[in-house]
Every structure is written in structure tokens, then in C-alpha cells.
N, C-alpha and C. Protein backbone atom coordinates (compact mmCIF):
# COMPACT_ATOMS: atom_id res chain seq x y z
N MET A 1 -43.71 109.23 37.09
CA MET A 1 -43.25 110.65 38.00
C MET A 1 -44.72 111.67 38.05
N SER A 2 -45.42 111.81 39.23
CA SER A 2 -46.09 112.57 39.56
C SER A 2 -45.37 114.41 39.92
N LEU A 3 -46.78 114.78 39.34
CA LEU A 3 -45.92 115.91 39.40
C LEU A 3 -45.55 117.11 40.25
N PHE A 4 -46.38 115.96 41.85
CA PHE A 4 -46.33 116.70 42.90
C PHE A 4 -44.82 116.10 43.52
N HIS A 5 -44.01 115.24 42.56
CA HIS A 5 -42.68 115.25 42.73
C HIS A 5 -41.76 115.21 42.13
N SER A 6 -42.44 116.31 40.64
CA SER A 6 -41.73 116.98 40.14
C SER A 6 -41.42 118.43 41.46
N MET A 7 -42.65 118.44 41.73
CA MET A 7 -42.46 120.07 42.88
C MET A 7 -41.35 119.69 44.11
N ASN A 8 -41.16 118.53 44.58
CA ASN A 8 -40.51 117.82 45.31
C ASN A 8 -39.04 118.43 44.82
N ILE A 9 -38.75 117.89 43.15
CA ILE A 9 -37.23 117.69 43.45
C ILE A 9 -37.05 119.66 43.15
N ILE A 10 -37.66 120.49 42.24
CA ILE A 10 -37.31 121.62 42.37
C ILE A 10 -38.17 122.46 43.74
N GLY A 11 -38.38 122.23 44.61
CA GLY A 11 -38.51 122.56 45.67
C GLY A 11 -36.80 122.42 46.17
N SER A 12 -36.85 121.01 46.11
CA SER A 12 -35.41 120.54 46.58
C SER A 12 -34.06 121.73 46.48
N ALA A 13 -33.97 121.87 44.77
CA ALA A 13 -33.08 122.31 44.48
C ALA A 13 -32.82 124.08 44.43
N MET A 14 -34.46 125.13 44.49
CA MET A 14 -34.26 126.02 45.23
C MET A 14 -34.03 125.94 46.49
N THR A 15 -34.48 124.98 47.29
CA THR A 15 -33.56 125.49 48.62
C THR A 15 -32.17 125.54 49.00
N ALA A 16 -31.97 124.81 48.16
CA ALA A 16 -29.88 124.30 48.21
C ALA A 16 -29.09 125.76 47.20
N GLU A 17 -29.78 126.02 46.37
CA GLU A 17 -29.41 128.02 45.93
C GLU A 17 -29.97 128.73 46.59
N ARG A 18 -30.41 128.92 47.51
CA ARG A 18 -31.09 130.00 48.83
C ARG A 18 -30.09 130.03 49.18
N PHE A 19 -30.05 128.69 50.10
CA PHE A 19 -28.32 128.00 51.00
C PHE A 19 -27.67 128.67 50.40
N ARG A 20 -27.48 128.33 49.02
CA ARG A 20 -26.16 128.94 48.47
C ARG A 20 -25.68 130.50 48.21
N MET A 21 -27.03 131.28 48.27
CA MET A 21 -26.84 132.36 48.25
C MET A 21 -26.68 133.32 50.20
N ASN A 22 -26.57 132.24 50.79
CA ASN A 22 -26.62 132.58 52.19
C ASN A 22 -25.28 132.84 52.38
N ILE A 23 -24.71 132.04 51.70
CA ILE A 23 -23.04 131.23 52.37
C ILE A 23 -22.12 132.60 51.44
N ALA A 24 -22.53 132.64 50.23
CA ALA A 24 -21.89 134.20 49.28
C ALA A 24 -22.69 135.39 49.82
N LEU A 25 -23.61 135.43 50.56
CA LEU A 25 -23.78 136.99 51.28
C LEU A 25 -22.74 137.04 52.85
N GLN A 26 -23.30 135.67 53.51
CA GLN A 26 -22.33 135.67 54.78
C GLN A 26 -20.89 135.96 54.51
N ASN A 27 -20.52 135.67 52.80
CA ASN A 27 -18.71 135.49 53.26
C ASN A 27 -18.44 137.27 52.56
N MET A 28 -19.40 137.40 52.00
CA MET A 28 -19.70 139.23 51.80
C MET A 28 -19.17 139.85 53.03
N ALA A 29 -20.06 139.57 53.73
CA ALA A 29 -20.33 140.44 54.40
C ALA A 29 -18.84 140.50 55.90
N ASN A 30 -18.84 139.18 56.13
CA ASN A 30 -17.01 138.94 56.19
C ASN A 30 -15.48 139.00 55.34
N VAL A 31 -15.81 140.03 54.86
CA VAL A 31 -14.81 140.19 53.34
C VAL A 31 -13.56 140.71 54.86
N ASN A 32 -14.12 141.60 55.77
CA ASN A 32 -13.00 142.44 56.29
C ASN A 32 -12.75 141.79 57.81
N THR A 33 -12.78 140.54 58.32
CA THR A 33 -12.94 139.85 59.40
C THR A 33 -11.83 139.58 59.59
N THR A 34 -10.64 140.22 60.06
CA THR A 34 -9.34 139.97 60.48
C THR A 34 -9.19 138.98 61.56
N ARG A 35 -10.35 138.96 62.65
CA ARG A 35 -9.97 137.82 63.83
C ARG A 35 -11.65 136.91 64.01
N THR A 36 -11.32 136.00 64.05
CA THR A 36 -12.44 135.56 64.41
C THR A 36 -12.72 134.46 65.66
N ALA A 37 -13.47 133.64 65.75
CA ALA A 37 -13.51 133.15 67.58
C ALA A 37 -12.52 132.27 67.19
N SER A 38 -11.48 131.61 66.10
CA SER A 38 -10.60 130.68 66.43
C SER A 38 -9.14 131.86 66.38
N GLY A 39 -9.46 133.11 66.14
CA GLY A 39 -8.27 134.02 66.58
C GLY A 39 -7.72 134.12 64.93
N GLU A 40 -7.98 133.61 63.88
CA GLU A 40 -7.65 133.61 62.56
C GLU A 40 -8.52 134.78 61.56
N PRO A 41 -7.44 135.05 60.72
CA PRO A 41 -8.96 135.53 59.45
C PRO A 41 -10.33 134.93 59.55
N TYR A 42 -11.21 135.02 58.83
CA TYR A 42 -13.16 134.65 58.17
C TYR A 42 -11.95 134.21 56.86
N ARG A 43 -12.70 132.46 57.12
CA ARG A 43 -11.72 131.77 56.15
C ARG A 43 -13.39 131.65 55.13
N ARG A 44 -13.27 131.97 53.66
CA ARG A 44 -14.40 131.55 52.64
C ARG A 44 -14.93 130.43 52.94
N HIS A 45 -16.42 130.40 52.59
CA HIS A 45 -16.99 128.82 52.88
C HIS A 45 -17.67 128.77 51.81
N GLN A 46 -17.95 127.35 51.25
CA GLN A 46 -18.54 126.99 50.17
C GLN A 46 -19.15 126.08 50.19
N VAL A 47 -20.66 126.06 49.41
CA VAL A 47 -21.13 124.68 49.89
C VAL A 47 -21.10 123.39 48.74
N ILE A 48 -21.34 122.89 49.42
CA ILE A 48 -21.18 121.39 48.29
C ILE A 48 -22.49 120.59 48.06
N PHE A 49 -23.13 120.24 47.33
CA PHE A 49 -24.25 119.68 46.86
C PHE A 49 -24.20 118.10 46.72
N GLN A 50 -25.02 117.55 46.85
CA GLN A 50 -25.33 116.32 46.37
C GLN A 50 -26.15 115.23 45.75
N GLU A 51 -26.51 114.95 44.90
CA GLU A 51 -27.62 114.61 44.62
C GLU A 51 -28.47 113.31 45.41
N ARG A 52 -29.43 113.87 45.48
CA ARG A 52 -30.74 112.75 45.98
C ARG A 52 -31.11 111.80 45.19
N ALA A 53 -30.39 110.78 45.18
CA ALA A 53 -30.81 109.73 43.81
C ALA A 53 -31.53 109.25 43.65
N LEU A 54 -32.30 108.66 43.00
CA LEU A 54 -33.44 108.31 42.55
C LEU A 54 -33.31 107.17 41.91
N ASN A 55 -33.30 106.01 42.32
CA ASN A 55 -33.49 104.44 42.14
C ASN A 55 -35.00 104.19 41.34
N PHE A 56 -35.06 103.80 40.12
CA PHE A 56 -36.40 103.87 39.40
C PHE A 56 -37.22 102.28 40.17
N SER A 57 -36.59 101.73 40.20
CA SER A 57 -37.02 99.92 40.92
C SER A 57 -37.25 100.51 42.67
N ASN A 58 -36.24 101.03 43.04
CA ASN A 58 -36.98 101.35 44.60
C ASN A 58 -38.33 102.63 44.46
N ALA A 59 -38.31 103.12 43.89
CA ALA A 59 -39.07 103.69 43.46
C ALA A 59 -40.85 103.43 43.25
N LEU A 60 -40.41 102.42 42.85
CA LEU A 60 -41.64 101.43 42.33
C LEU A 60 -42.01 100.71 43.52
N ARG A 61 -41.30 100.41 44.50
CA ARG A 61 -41.66 99.50 45.25
C ARG A 61 -41.91 100.50 46.49
N ASP A 62 -41.22 101.73 46.34
CA ASP A 62 -41.44 102.20 48.04
C ASP A 62 -41.54 103.38 47.85
N GLU A 63 -42.66 104.06 49.11
CA GLU A 63 -43.23 105.25 49.01
C GLU A 63 -42.32 106.61 49.37
N GLN A 64 -41.98 105.60 50.24
CA GLN A 64 -40.29 107.03 50.88
C GLN A 64 -39.29 107.31 49.51
N ALA A 65 -38.89 106.10 49.34
CA ALA A 65 -37.97 106.82 48.03
C ALA A 65 -38.46 107.38 47.15
N ARG A 66 -39.61 107.44 46.50
CA ARG A 66 -40.48 108.47 45.77
C ARG A 66 -41.17 109.91 46.67
N ILE A 67 -40.79 109.84 47.49
CA ILE A 67 -40.68 110.92 48.55
C ILE A 67 -39.59 111.71 48.40
N THR A 68 -38.48 111.01 49.23
CA THR A 68 -37.56 111.55 49.40
C THR A 68 -36.10 111.66 48.37
N GLY A 69 -36.36 110.47 46.80
CA GLY A 69 -35.56 110.50 46.18
C GLY A 69 -35.12 111.52 45.09
N GLY A 70 -34.41 111.92 44.28
CA GLY A 70 -34.38 113.10 42.92
C GLY A 70 -34.37 114.22 43.85
N GLY A 71 -33.54 114.97 43.02
CA GLY A 71 -33.15 116.76 43.76
C GLY A 71 -32.15 116.63 43.94
N VAL A 72 -31.67 117.64 44.72
CA VAL A 72 -30.34 117.93 44.86
C VAL A 72 -30.74 117.76 46.34
N ARG A 73 -28.80 118.30 47.69
CA ARG A 73 -29.13 118.81 48.51
C ARG A 73 -28.02 119.08 48.79
N VAL A 74 -27.72 119.96 50.30
CA VAL A 74 -26.38 120.42 51.03
C VAL A 74 -26.00 119.47 51.43
N THR A 75 -24.55 119.01 51.22
CA THR A 75 -23.93 118.12 52.14
C THR A 75 -23.05 118.64 53.50
N GLU A 76 -22.53 119.69 53.06
CA GLU A 76 -21.98 120.40 53.61
C GLU A 76 -21.22 121.45 53.40
N VAL A 77 -20.82 122.39 54.10
CA VAL A 77 -20.55 123.51 54.01
C VAL A 77 -18.41 123.76 54.31
N VAL A 78 -17.78 123.95 53.45
CA VAL A 78 -16.18 123.45 53.96
C VAL A 78 -15.72 125.10 53.79
N GLU A 79 -14.52 125.12 54.42
CA GLU A 79 -13.65 126.26 54.16
C GLU A 79 -12.82 126.31 53.35
N SER A 80 -12.34 127.00 52.53
CA SER A 80 -11.38 127.25 51.81
C SER A 80 -10.13 127.14 51.97
N GLN A 81 -9.14 126.47 51.48
CA GLN A 81 -7.75 126.44 52.20
C GLN A 81 -6.54 127.16 51.47
N ARG A 82 -7.20 128.04 50.20
CA ARG A 82 -6.22 129.79 50.23
C ARG A 82 -5.85 130.19 51.37
N ASP A 83 -4.79 130.86 51.12
CA ASP A 83 -4.20 131.25 51.79
C ASP A 83 -4.54 132.88 52.10
N PHE A 84 -4.35 132.71 53.23
CA PHE A 84 -4.89 134.78 53.37
C PHE A 84 -4.18 136.05 52.80
N ILE A 85 -4.70 136.60 52.37
CA ILE A 85 -4.33 138.19 51.80
C ILE A 85 -3.42 139.26 52.93
N PRO A 86 -2.20 139.24 52.69
CA PRO A 86 -1.96 140.27 53.58
C PRO A 86 -1.69 141.46 52.86
N VAL A 87 -1.89 142.82 54.18
CA VAL A 87 -2.54 143.77 53.30
C VAL A 87 -1.34 145.26 54.69
N TYR A 88 -0.68 145.64 54.04
CA TYR A 88 0.35 146.42 55.04
C TYR A 88 -0.77 147.99 55.89
N ASP A 89 -0.49 147.36 56.82
CA ASP A 89 -1.86 148.43 58.28
C ASP A 89 -1.39 148.77 58.92
N PRO A 90 -0.12 148.93 58.92
CA PRO A 90 0.42 149.19 60.70
C PRO A 90 -0.16 149.71 61.47
N SER A 91 -0.93 150.38 61.42
CA SER A 91 -2.04 150.84 62.32
C SER A 91 -3.42 149.65 62.51
N HIS A 92 -3.34 149.04 62.29
CA HIS A 92 -4.38 147.81 62.80
C HIS A 92 -4.40 147.29 63.80
N PRO A 93 -5.31 147.24 64.44
CA PRO A 93 -5.04 146.18 65.93
C PRO A 93 -4.37 144.75 65.55
N ASP A 94 -4.58 144.24 64.35
CA ASP A 94 -4.32 142.76 64.14
C ASP A 94 -3.27 142.83 62.99
N ALA A 95 -2.21 144.00 63.45
CA ALA A 95 -0.92 143.91 62.32
C ALA A 95 0.03 143.77 62.75
N ASN A 96 0.60 142.48 62.23
CA ASN A 96 1.71 141.59 62.92
C ASN A 96 3.28 142.55 62.86
N GLU A 97 4.38 142.16 63.42
CA GLU A 97 5.65 143.20 63.81
C GLU A 97 6.24 144.21 62.12
N ASP A 98 5.23 143.18 61.23
CA ASP A 98 6.38 143.89 59.39
C ASP A 98 4.83 144.70 59.51
N GLY A 99 3.75 145.12 60.36
CA GLY A 99 2.77 145.73 59.71
C GLY A 99 1.87 145.38 58.95
N TYR A 100 1.58 144.30 58.58
CA TYR A 100 1.30 143.49 57.82
C TYR A 100 -0.25 142.57 58.09
N VAL A 101 -1.35 142.82 57.87
CA VAL A 101 -2.65 142.40 58.43
C VAL A 101 -3.00 141.36 57.43
N MET A 102 -3.57 139.70 58.10
CA MET A 102 -3.67 139.17 57.13
C MET A 102 -5.57 139.38 56.98
N MET A 103 -6.18 139.25 55.92
CA MET A 103 -7.22 139.79 55.51
C MET A 103 -7.81 138.24 55.02
N PRO A 104 -9.05 138.30 55.26
CA PRO A 104 -10.11 136.77 54.94
C PRO A 104 -9.73 136.49 53.19
N ASN A 105 -9.73 135.27 53.01
CA ASN A 105 -9.26 134.97 51.95
C ASN A 105 -11.01 135.02 50.57
N VAL A 106 -11.17 136.35 50.79
CA VAL A 106 -12.72 136.20 50.28
C VAL A 106 -12.21 137.20 48.73
N ASP A 107 -12.65 136.75 48.38
CA ASP A 107 -13.03 137.61 46.72
C ASP A 107 -14.35 138.44 46.33
N THR A 108 -14.22 139.21 46.61
CA THR A 108 -16.00 139.64 46.12
C THR A 108 -16.11 139.70 44.59
N THR A 109 -15.41 139.79 43.87
CA THR A 109 -15.93 139.18 42.27
C THR A 109 -16.22 138.21 42.30
N GLU A 110 -15.06 137.03 42.59
CA GLU A 110 -15.61 136.12 43.35
C GLU A 110 -17.20 135.50 43.55
N GLU A 111 -17.72 136.27 44.63
CA GLU A 111 -18.91 136.01 45.33
C GLU A 111 -20.44 136.53 44.86
N ARG A 112 -19.68 137.62 44.01
CA ARG A 112 -20.41 138.15 43.10
C ARG A 112 -21.27 137.13 41.89
N ILE A 113 -19.91 137.03 41.58
CA ILE A 113 -20.72 135.75 40.37
C ILE A 113 -21.07 134.30 40.81
N ASP A 114 -20.74 133.49 41.77
CA ASP A 114 -21.43 133.14 42.17
C ASP A 114 -22.90 133.44 43.06
N LEU A 115 -22.89 134.24 43.67
CA LEU A 115 -23.89 134.72 44.07
C LEU A 115 -25.12 134.98 43.10
N MET A 116 -24.77 136.02 41.33
CA MET A 116 -25.56 135.43 40.30
C MET A 116 -25.74 134.12 39.40
N ALA A 117 -25.12 133.17 39.91
CA ALA A 117 -25.20 131.92 39.32
C ALA A 117 -26.13 131.41 40.04
N ALA A 118 -26.07 131.60 41.65
CA ALA A 118 -27.07 131.12 42.52
C ALA A 118 -28.86 131.68 42.42
N SER A 119 -28.76 133.07 41.57
CA SER A 119 -29.83 133.53 41.80
C SER A 119 -30.48 132.74 40.64
N ASN A 120 -29.48 133.12 39.42
CA ASN A 120 -30.30 132.26 37.81
C ASN A 120 -30.48 130.69 38.25
N ALA A 121 -29.97 130.19 38.49
CA ALA A 121 -30.14 128.74 38.93
C ALA A 121 -31.96 128.56 40.14
N TYR A 122 -32.10 129.67 40.94
CA TYR A 122 -32.95 129.25 41.57
C TYR A 122 -34.52 130.01 40.52
N GLU A 123 -34.00 130.82 39.54
CA GLU A 123 -35.25 131.92 38.90
C GLU A 123 -35.66 130.50 37.68
N ALA A 124 -34.67 129.93 37.16
CA ALA A 124 -34.51 128.96 35.91
C ALA A 124 -35.96 128.05 37.41
N ASN A 125 -35.38 127.31 38.61
CA ASN A 125 -36.29 126.58 39.16
C ASN A 125 -37.65 126.48 39.25
N LEU A 126 -37.50 128.54 39.39
CA LEU A 126 -38.97 128.92 39.80
C LEU A 126 -40.17 129.16 38.86
N THR A 127 -39.01 129.15 37.35
CA THR A 127 -40.12 129.08 35.66
C THR A 127 -40.15 127.77 36.09
N ALA A 128 -39.93 126.62 36.18
CA ALA A 128 -40.04 125.40 36.05
C ALA A 128 -40.98 125.02 36.61
N LEU A 129 -41.96 125.66 38.37
CA LEU A 129 -42.18 125.33 38.98
C LEU A 129 -43.29 126.04 38.75
N SER A 130 -43.32 127.02 37.98
CA SER A 130 -44.38 127.20 37.34
C SER A 130 -45.32 126.99 36.63
N ILE A 131 -43.85 126.34 35.49
CA ILE A 131 -44.69 125.32 34.23
C ILE A 131 -45.28 124.09 34.89
N VAL A 132 -44.92 123.80 35.90
CA VAL A 132 -45.79 122.46 36.62
C VAL A 132 -46.73 122.71 37.44
N LYS A 133 -46.92 123.81 37.59
CA LYS A 133 -48.43 124.51 38.23
C LYS A 133 -48.91 124.58 37.28
N SER A 134 -48.79 125.34 35.80
CA SER A 134 -49.36 124.90 35.02
C SER A 134 -50.47 123.89 34.54
N LEU A 135 -49.23 123.01 34.36
CA LEU A 135 -49.87 121.25 33.89
C LEU A 135 -50.83 121.03 34.81
N ALA A 136 -50.91 121.00 36.37
CA ALA A 136 -51.24 120.49 37.11
C ALA A 136 -52.85 120.93 36.92
N LEU A 137 -52.45 122.27 36.49
CA LEU A 137 -54.22 122.88 36.89
C LEU A 137 -54.93 123.06 35.62
N LYS A 138 -54.12 122.70 34.63
CA LYS A 138 -54.41 122.24 32.80
C LYS A 138 -55.43 120.83 33.14
N ALA A 139 -54.55 120.12 33.84
CA ALA A 139 -55.04 118.65 34.34
C ALA A 139 -56.53 118.68 34.94
N LEU A 140 -56.31 119.67 36.03
CA LEU A 140 -57.90 119.24 36.01
C LEU A 140 -58.74 119.92 35.45
N GLU A 141 -58.47 120.76 34.79
CA GLU A 141 -59.64 121.24 33.66
C GLU A 141 -60.09 120.32 32.75
N ILE A 142 -59.10 119.05 32.31
CA ILE A 142 -59.63 117.99 31.79
C ILE A 142 -60.59 117.74 32.25
N GLY A 143 -60.68 117.42 33.65
CA GLY A 143 -61.82 116.25 34.35
C GLY A 143 -63.41 117.51 34.23
N LYS A 144 -63.22 119.32 33.88
CA LYS A 144 -64.38 119.58 33.47
C LYS A 144 -65.44 119.20 32.91
């Protein structure tokens, strides 16, 4: 495995974690959205990651497998199917006949924890990238 391949794997993880942070921030921004284009409250979004498999024998034969194999990718963003949260507010325009407004199924504490986990994973990958970079620089110094 080359140093550039390691950078590619780390870069894919950083991209996936940055996307996960964006989704968590989007969820937090919509915590009070009671009506979307579909007419119902905002539903929490969750990111699904998938490994970009690296088959060793294919990597030996195929240059493209070495470039795209390994790492992680976002396969989809799914909506949470948890129930909406009823809040009593008869003055709200979206309140039903009983005075309850259905609020999004977003828990800000859960989103903050998800955001911190994604941030920590991003920083860990950034540290790994700096190590690979310093290894590459040391390898170049050997030839001097």
C-alpha cells in the first residue's frame, strides 16, 4: 500500500465525517420546523456509511481498484421513523383541534453527541493524515 493510497483512505473518511457533521447541524437547525413540503414536521436524518472494500488480489491486478478501494463512503441518508413529539400549544398555527403541535423527532442532545463523535473522528483522521505526510517527507529526505 502506497502513502498516496493511505491518504486516499484517510481523505474518504474525512469527507464522510464532514458530511455526517453537516447532517447533524441540519437536524439541529430544523428542531422547530413543524411543517415541511410534505406537510408533516421535519424528520431527523441519519447517515449510513459503507466500507469501500479493497480486495487485495484485485488491487494487485487493477490500478483503478487501488485508487477507489479502501476507505469509507456515504451510501445514503435515511429519515428516522421515530414518532413526532406532541407539544401543547393551542396558539400555534399548526396545532390540531386538541391544541397539540407535532414537533420534529430531533433530540438536540443526541445531535450534539453525534456532532462531537463526528468531530473527534475527523480530528483523528487529520492526525493520521499528518503522520502519513511526515512519513512521506522523511522518505524524501532519505534520497538526499
